[in-house]
Amino acid sequence: MDLFSAAFVHTKQSANNQNITMAFSFLTQELAMDLGTANTIIIQNDKIVVDEPSIVAIDQNTGKTIAIGEIARQMHGKTHENIRTVRPLRDGVIADFEAAEQMIRGMIKLINPKNRWFNPTLRMVVCIPSGSTEVEIRAVRDSAEHAGGRDIFLIYEPMAAALGIGIDVEAPEGNMVVDIGGGTTEIAVIALGGIVTNKSIRTAGDGFTSDIQQYMRQQHNIKIGERTAEDIKIAVGSALTDLEVAPNNFIVRGPNMMTALPIEVPVTYQEIAHCLDKSLSKVEGAVLNVLEQTPPELYADIVNRGVYLTGGGALLRGLDKRLADKLNIKFNIAENPLHAVARGTGIALKNINKVPFLMR
């Protein structure tokens, strides 16, 4: 065979290999999923393609999914007996296996709503709380597999959060991440590509919402739902009773628990700071507990760099200042803390063969 013929054959083989690779990539979909208690975020090709509340509406008679995400959230607390709205995850773990499977399947369909001819093979990286038991890990893996996942990789949330905010997790330096999500608060010290010490507590965004509901019942004699309590937390939620920039009072409307007549109550950020004090003290105690277990050399690194706050709870007004005053260490709020874990999961997906801390 002459040189020209050999070059032609080599070019043809390369083209065939490229076509096979393109066909394989067309049949395989790679997704990074932050399966959160409050919100589920899916990343594909470095872009957030799904960002929806983790809730599903199910027809009681047929068991079929009526709606997922934001549409289902709008139904929450307003349904009749034939429709049930379910939040499949509680405290960071799957509480309703079937609803979780339906929700994951529905979220994936949102990526390509027009594609109904075939379901591509899914390769997924899903993040889980660092305190998950073997049973809870198995539940996440099984739900992802039943929803169409073939290759499932798992990553702990604090590690994903660290990747998402740009920390070099494989460096011989200590970094501390506090991820306050919907169901759990994840606290971890990371060095050399691994978690040195960590703690996962089930005091987080949902706990804050529950505190607000209870406070409104006890102090104002008004009954409010989960959605209203969430709105209060977003509008006037605070960790301090003295803020430099104070939000406007939030007007709450609902039934008086004694008379059932409608009433309006203005709620201040000072009230919310007071009612969240006990839960925030638990977070402080957990952070202090992890610092006590941290080796001295890594402790020094953390004091120099500060602690990184991620998750929706990091947006609570004054939380960084409260924690800094309490523990005498600087606390840094990550840029776009809501998406830090999801971005980190996406980075792990891109480097799936290079990242040693992914679990299969």
Protein backbone atom coordinates (compact mmCIF):
# COMPACT_ATOMS: atom_id res chain seq x y z
CA MET A 1 0.00 0.00 0.00
CA ASP A 2 1.43 3.40 -0.96
CA LEU A 3 1.61 6.35 1.41
CA PHE A 4 -1.42 8.06 -0.15
CA SER A 5 -3.61 4.93 0.24
CA ALA A 6 -2.47 4.44 3.84
CA ALA A 7 -3.29 8.07 4.64
CA PHE A 8 -6.71 7.67 3.01
CA VAL A 9 -7.47 4.50 5.04
CA HIS A 10 -6.35 6.22 8.27
CA THR A 11 -8.53 9.27 7.53
CA LYS A 12 -11.51 7.02 6.81
CA GLN A 13 -11.02 5.07 10.07
CA SER A 14 -10.75 8.32 12.03
CA ALA A 15 -13.97 9.56 10.41
CA ASN A 16 -15.72 6.28 11.28
CA ASN A 17 -14.52 6.48 14.89
CA GLN A 18 -15.73 10.07 15.10
CA ASN A 19 -19.14 9.07 13.71
CA ILE A 20 -19.39 6.25 16.27
CA THR A 21 -18.47 8.68 19.06
CA MET A 22 -21.08 11.19 17.83
CA ALA A 23 -23.72 8.46 17.62
CA PHE A 24 -22.82 7.26 21.11
CA SER A 25 -23.00 10.80 22.53
CA PHE A 26 -26.36 11.25 20.80
CA LEU A 27 -27.67 8.12 22.51
CA THR A 28 -26.11 9.01 25.89
CA GLN A 29 -27.15 12.02 27.93
CA GLU A 30 -24.83 13.27 30.69
CA LEU A 31 -26.52 15.09 33.55
CA ALA A 32 -25.45 16.54 36.89
CA MET A 33 -28.28 16.64 39.44
CA ASP A 34 -28.54 18.50 42.72
CA LEU A 35 -31.42 16.54 44.21
CA GLY A 36 -32.36 18.93 46.98
CA THR A 37 -35.11 18.93 49.58
CA ALA A 38 -36.35 22.34 48.42
CA ASN A 39 -35.15 22.56 44.80
CA THR A 40 -33.82 20.21 42.15
CA ILE A 41 -31.26 21.59 39.72
CA ILE A 42 -30.03 19.75 36.63
CA ILE A 43 -26.95 20.79 34.66
CA GLN A 44 -26.19 19.66 31.13
CA ASN A 45 -23.20 20.86 29.08
CA ASP A 46 -22.26 23.38 31.82
CA LYS A 47 -25.71 25.00 31.66
CA ILE A 48 -28.55 24.89 34.18
CA VAL A 49 -31.37 23.32 32.17
CA VAL A 50 -33.77 22.62 35.07
CA ASP A 51 -34.23 24.61 38.29
CA GLU A 52 -37.53 23.66 39.87
CA PRO A 53 -38.98 23.12 43.36
CA SER A 54 -38.74 19.48 44.51
CA ILE A 55 -42.45 18.77 44.54
CA VAL A 56 -44.79 16.62 42.49
CA ALA A 57 -48.60 16.59 42.12
CA ILE A 58 -50.13 13.13 41.75
CA ASP A 59 -53.62 12.01 40.72
CA GLN A 60 -54.94 9.93 43.63
CA ASN A 61 -57.15 7.78 41.39
CA THR A 62 -54.64 6.80 38.71
CA GLY A 63 -51.33 7.40 40.49
CA LYS A 64 -50.08 9.39 37.49
CA THR A 65 -48.09 12.61 37.70
CA ILE A 66 -50.14 15.74 37.03
CA ALA A 67 -47.43 18.35 37.51
CA ILE A 68 -43.91 18.80 38.84
CA GLY A 69 -41.79 21.71 39.97
CA GLU A 70 -43.19 25.23 40.07
CA ILE A 71 -46.64 24.25 38.76
CA ALA A 72 -46.95 21.60 41.49
CA ARG A 73 -45.73 24.13 44.09
CA GLN A 74 -48.55 26.48 43.11
CA MET A 75 -50.99 23.64 43.80
CA HIS A 76 -49.46 22.88 47.23
CA GLY A 77 -51.97 23.44 50.01
CA LYS A 78 -54.77 24.16 47.52
CA THR A 79 -55.68 20.69 46.26
CA HIS A 80 -58.92 18.67 46.52
CA GLU A 81 -59.15 15.02 47.54
CA ASN A 82 -58.29 13.68 44.07
CA ILE A 83 -54.92 15.46 43.88
CA ARG A 84 -52.03 14.96 46.27
CA THR A 85 -48.94 17.16 46.30
CA VAL A 86 -45.82 15.44 47.61
CA ARG A 87 -42.36 16.63 48.52
CA PRO A 88 -40.46 13.36 47.99
CA LEU A 89 -37.40 14.47 49.96
CA ARG A 90 -37.39 15.28 53.64
CA ASP A 91 -34.32 16.22 55.68
CA GLY A 92 -32.13 15.75 52.62
CA VAL A 93 -33.13 12.14 51.99
CA ILE A 94 -35.84 10.39 49.97
CA ALA A 95 -38.99 9.92 52.06
CA ASP A 96 -41.34 8.80 49.26
CA PHE A 97 -39.57 6.46 46.83
CA GLU A 98 -42.26 6.33 44.11
CA ALA A 99 -42.87 10.08 44.13
CA ALA A 100 -39.11 10.71 43.94
CA GLU A 101 -38.82 8.44 40.90
CA GLN A 102 -41.73 10.20 39.18
CA MET A 103 -40.25 13.60 39.99
CA ILE A 104 -36.78 12.73 38.67
CA ARG A 105 -38.27 11.24 35.52
CA GLY A 106 -40.42 14.36 35.00
CA MET A 107 -37.48 16.73 35.61
CA ILE A 108 -35.40 14.89 33.00
CA LYS A 109 -38.26 15.15 30.48
CA LEU A 110 -38.25 18.94 30.97
CA ILE A 111 -34.81 19.05 29.32
CA ASN A 112 -36.08 17.82 25.94
CA PRO A 113 -39.88 18.17 26.06
CA LYS A 114 -40.22 17.67 22.28
CA ASN A 115 -38.20 14.45 22.20
CA ARG A 116 -40.75 11.64 22.68
CA TRP A 117 -39.37 9.10 20.20
CA PHE A 118 -36.71 7.55 22.42
CA ASN A 119 -35.15 7.92 25.84
CA PRO A 120 -31.34 8.28 25.71
CA THR A 121 -29.11 6.38 28.13
CA LEU A 122 -28.36 8.57 31.14
CA ARG A 123 -25.02 9.02 32.82
CA MET A 124 -25.63 10.97 36.01
CA VAL A 125 -23.76 12.51 38.91
CA VAL A 126 -26.08 13.07 41.88
CA CYS A 127 -25.11 14.81 45.12
CA ILE A 128 -26.09 13.43 48.53
CA PRO A 129 -25.78 14.64 52.15
CA SER A 130 -22.47 13.72 53.77
CA GLY A 131 -24.30 12.09 56.69
CA SER A 132 -26.35 9.71 54.51
CA THR A 133 -26.67 6.12 55.66
CA GLU A 134 -26.19 3.14 53.32
CA VAL A 135 -29.97 2.76 53.07
CA GLU A 136 -30.43 6.43 52.13
CA ILE A 137 -27.63 6.23 49.53
CA ARG A 138 -29.23 3.12 48.04
CA ALA A 139 -32.59 4.93 47.83
CA VAL A 140 -31.05 7.78 45.79
CA ARG A 141 -29.22 5.37 43.50
CA ASP A 142 -32.30 3.21 42.95
CA SER A 143 -34.52 6.21 42.22
CA ALA A 144 -32.04 7.51 39.64
CA GLU A 145 -31.75 4.07 38.02
CA HIS A 146 -35.52 3.58 37.84
CA ALA A 147 -35.82 7.03 36.25
CA GLY A 148 -33.55 5.89 33.39
CA GLY A 149 -30.04 6.32 34.74
CA ARG A 150 -27.50 3.72 33.63
CA ASP A 151 -24.21 5.00 35.07
CA ILE A 152 -24.88 6.63 38.43
CA PHE A 153 -22.14 8.43 40.34
CA LEU A 154 -22.63 10.05 43.74
CA ILE A 155 -20.82 12.98 45.33
CA TYR A 156 -21.17 14.42 48.83
CA GLU A 157 -22.79 17.87 48.97
CA PRO A 158 -19.96 19.72 50.82
CA MET A 159 -17.43 18.45 48.27
CA ALA A 160 -19.69 19.55 45.41
CA ALA A 161 -20.18 22.95 47.07
CA ALA A 162 -16.41 23.39 47.42
CA LEU A 163 -15.91 22.57 43.73
CA GLY A 164 -18.76 24.92 42.79
CA ILE A 165 -17.24 27.96 44.51
CA GLY A 166 -13.81 27.38 42.93
CA ILE A 167 -11.87 25.81 45.81
CA ASP A 168 -8.91 23.60 44.84
CA VAL A 169 -10.10 20.58 46.81
CA GLU A 170 -7.00 18.50 46.03
CA ALA A 171 -4.55 21.05 47.45
CA PRO A 172 -2.80 20.26 50.78
CA GLU A 173 -4.74 23.08 52.44
CA GLY A 174 -7.75 23.08 54.72
CA ASN A 175 -11.03 24.62 53.58
CA MET A 176 -14.29 24.63 55.51
CA VAL A 177 -17.67 24.68 53.81
CA VAL A 178 -21.06 25.19 55.50
CA ASP A 179 -23.88 24.32 53.11
CA ILE A 180 -27.31 25.27 54.53
CA GLY A 181 -29.86 23.63 52.27
CA GLY A 182 -33.54 22.90 52.60
CA GLY A 183 -33.36 19.71 54.65
CA THR A 184 -29.83 19.52 56.05
CA THR A 185 -26.91 21.71 57.01
CA GLU A 186 -23.68 20.14 55.77
CA ILE A 187 -20.45 21.16 57.48
CA ALA A 188 -17.13 19.76 56.26
CA VAL A 189 -13.41 20.39 56.34
CA ILE A 190 -11.85 19.43 52.99
CA ALA A 191 -8.20 18.79 52.13
CA LEU A 192 -6.27 16.64 49.61
CA GLY A 193 -9.41 15.66 47.70
CA GLY A 194 -11.25 14.25 50.71
CA ILE A 195 -13.43 15.17 53.68
CA VAL A 196 -11.29 15.27 56.83
CA THR A 197 -14.09 15.90 59.30
CA ASN A 198 -17.77 16.61 58.80
CA LYS A 199 -21.18 16.86 60.39
CA SER A 200 -24.66 16.78 58.90
CA ILE A 201 -27.56 18.13 60.95
CA ARG A 202 -31.23 18.20 60.04
CA THR A 203 -31.68 21.83 60.94
CA ALA A 204 -31.89 23.94 57.79
CA GLY A 205 -34.32 25.87 55.57
CA ASP A 206 -37.33 23.63 56.25
CA GLY A 207 -36.67 23.91 59.98
CA PHE A 208 -36.59 27.72 59.70
CA THR A 209 -39.93 27.62 57.84
CA SER A 210 -41.46 25.42 60.54
CA ASP A 211 -40.17 27.80 63.24
CA ILE A 212 -41.90 30.71 61.50
CA GLN A 213 -45.20 28.81 61.27
CA GLN A 214 -45.06 27.97 64.97
CA TYR A 215 -44.13 31.53 65.92
CA MET A 216 -47.06 33.00 63.98
CA ARG A 217 -49.46 30.61 65.71
CA GLN A 218 -48.15 31.32 69.20
CA GLN A 219 -47.45 35.05 69.02
CA HIS A 220 -50.03 36.32 66.53
CA ASN A 221 -52.70 33.63 66.81
CA ILE A 222 -52.75 33.28 63.03
CA LYS A 223 -52.59 30.06 61.08
CA ILE A 224 -50.33 30.09 58.00
CA GLY A 225 -49.24 27.45 55.51
CA GLU A 226 -45.79 26.33 54.45
CA ARG A 227 -45.78 28.57 51.37
CA THR A 228 -46.64 31.71 53.36
CA ALA A 229 -43.97 30.90 55.94
CA GLU A 230 -41.47 30.51 53.10
CA ASP A 231 -42.51 33.92 51.72
CA ILE A 232 -41.99 35.48 55.17
CA LYS A 233 -38.51 33.91 55.40
CA ILE A 234 -37.52 35.33 52.01
CA ALA A 235 -39.02 38.78 52.62
CA VAL A 236 -37.94 39.49 56.22
CA GLY A 237 -35.78 36.51 57.25
CA SER A 238 -32.86 37.59 59.42
CA ALA A 239 -30.25 36.12 61.76
CA LEU A 240 -29.73 39.44 63.59
CA THR A 241 -32.11 41.77 65.38
CA ASP A 242 -30.10 44.79 64.24
CA LEU A 243 -29.46 45.13 60.50
CA GLU A 244 -27.83 48.07 58.72
CA VAL A 245 -30.30 47.78 55.83
CA ALA A 246 -33.67 46.74 57.23
CA PRO A 247 -36.31 45.14 54.96
CA ASN A 248 -39.87 46.46 54.98
CA ASN A 249 -42.42 44.74 57.19
CA PHE A 250 -44.23 41.84 55.58
CA ILE A 251 -48.04 41.76 55.78
CA VAL A 252 -49.42 38.32 56.57
CA ARG A 253 -53.07 37.52 55.94
CA GLY A 254 -54.83 34.51 57.35
CA PRO A 255 -57.51 33.19 59.72
CA ASN A 256 -57.54 34.03 63.40
CA MET A 257 -57.19 30.70 65.23
CA MET A 258 -59.78 31.67 67.86
CA THR A 259 -62.49 33.27 65.73
CA ALA A 260 -61.65 31.98 62.20
CA LEU A 261 -62.14 35.57 60.97
CA PRO A 262 -59.54 37.01 58.56
CA ILE A 263 -56.82 39.20 60.07
CA GLU A 264 -53.74 41.06 58.82
CA VAL A 265 -50.49 41.04 60.78
CA PRO A 266 -47.33 43.05 59.95
CA VAL A 267 -44.19 40.97 60.62
CA THR A 268 -40.79 42.57 61.28
CA TYR A 269 -37.34 41.12 60.65
CA GLN A 270 -36.58 41.43 64.40
CA GLU A 271 -39.42 38.99 65.16
CA ILE A 272 -38.10 36.47 62.65
CA ALA A 273 -34.55 36.79 64.01
CA HIS A 274 -35.96 36.04 67.46
CA CYS A 275 -37.96 33.01 66.33
CA LEU A 276 -35.01 31.53 64.36
CA ASP A 277 -32.55 32.00 67.22
CA LYS A 278 -32.83 28.46 68.59
CA SER A 279 -32.31 26.78 65.20
CA LEU A 280 -29.40 29.07 64.32
CA SER A 281 -27.78 28.21 67.66
CA LYS A 282 -27.85 24.54 66.60
CA VAL A 283 -26.01 25.45 63.39
CA GLU A 284 -23.43 27.40 65.41
CA GLY A 285 -22.95 24.42 67.73
CA ALA A 286 -22.46 22.05 64.81
CA VAL A 287 -19.85 24.34 63.18
CA LEU A 288 -18.01 24.59 66.50
CA ASN A 289 -18.15 20.80 66.90
CA VAL A 290 -16.49 20.28 63.50
CA LEU A 291 -13.82 22.90 64.30
CA GLU A 292 -13.03 21.04 67.55
CA GLN A 293 -12.36 17.86 65.55
CA THR A 294 -10.20 19.62 62.94
CA PRO A 295 -6.41 18.95 63.02
CA PRO A 296 -4.41 22.05 64.13
CA GLU A 297 -2.66 22.63 60.77
CA LEU A 298 -5.96 22.62 58.89
CA TYR A 299 -7.55 24.77 61.61
CA ALA A 300 -4.90 27.43 60.95
CA ASP A 301 -5.70 27.35 57.21
CA ILE A 302 -9.41 27.84 57.96
CA VAL A 303 -8.74 30.81 60.25
CA ASN A 304 -6.60 32.42 57.53
CA ARG A 305 -9.10 31.85 54.70
CA GLY A 306 -12.39 31.96 56.56
CA VAL A 307 -15.36 29.62 56.25
CA TYR A 308 -17.43 29.45 53.05
CA LEU A 309 -21.24 29.66 53.28
CA THR A 310 -23.34 28.08 50.52
CA GLY A 311 -26.94 26.95 50.04
CA GLY A 312 -30.18 28.92 50.30
CA GLY A 313 -29.66 29.46 54.04
CA ALA A 314 -26.56 31.55 53.29
CA LEU A 315 -28.95 34.23 51.96
CA LEU A 316 -30.44 34.75 55.43
CA ARG A 317 -29.72 38.39 56.28
CA GLY A 318 -26.87 38.85 58.75
CA LEU A 319 -26.05 35.15 59.08
CA ASP A 320 -22.39 35.59 58.11
CA LYS A 321 -21.95 38.39 60.66
CA ARG A 322 -23.69 36.41 63.41
CA LEU A 323 -21.48 33.36 62.85
CA ALA A 324 -18.32 35.49 62.57
CA ASP A 325 -19.08 37.29 65.85
CA LYS A 326 -19.87 34.01 67.60
CA LEU A 327 -16.87 31.96 66.40
CA ASN A 328 -14.34 34.74 65.77
CA ILE A 329 -13.63 33.46 62.24
CA LYS A 330 -14.48 35.23 59.01
CA PHE A 331 -17.43 33.78 57.06
CA ASN A 332 -17.58 34.29 53.29
CA ILE A 333 -20.88 34.03 51.41
CA ALA A 334 -20.29 32.27 48.10
CA GLU A 335 -21.24 33.95 44.87
CA ASN A 336 -24.69 32.63 43.90
CA PRO A 337 -24.86 30.24 46.90
CA LEU A 338 -28.11 28.61 45.69
CA HIS A 339 -26.36 27.05 42.68
CA ALA A 340 -22.94 26.30 44.24
CA VAL A 341 -23.65 22.59 44.85
CA ALA A 342 -25.19 22.14 41.39
CA ARG A 343 -22.22 23.85 39.70
CA GLY A 344 -19.81 21.63 41.63
CA THR A 345 -21.75 18.54 40.59
CA GLY A 346 -21.48 19.72 36.99
CA ILE A 347 -17.69 20.13 37.35
CA ALA A 348 -17.47 16.58 38.75
CA LEU A 349 -19.44 15.32 35.73
CA LYS A 350 -17.01 17.00 33.30
CA ASN A 351 -14.04 15.40 35.09
CA ILE A 352 -15.74 12.10 35.83
CA ASN A 353 -12.62 10.02 35.09
CA LYS A 354 -10.24 12.30 36.99
CA VAL A 355 -12.18 12.84 40.20
CA PRO A 356 -11.22 10.23 42.82
CA PHE A 357 -13.95 11.09 45.34
CA LEU A 358 -16.96 10.09 43.22
CA MET A 359 -18.85 7.00 44.43
CA ARG A 360 -20.47 4.43 42.17
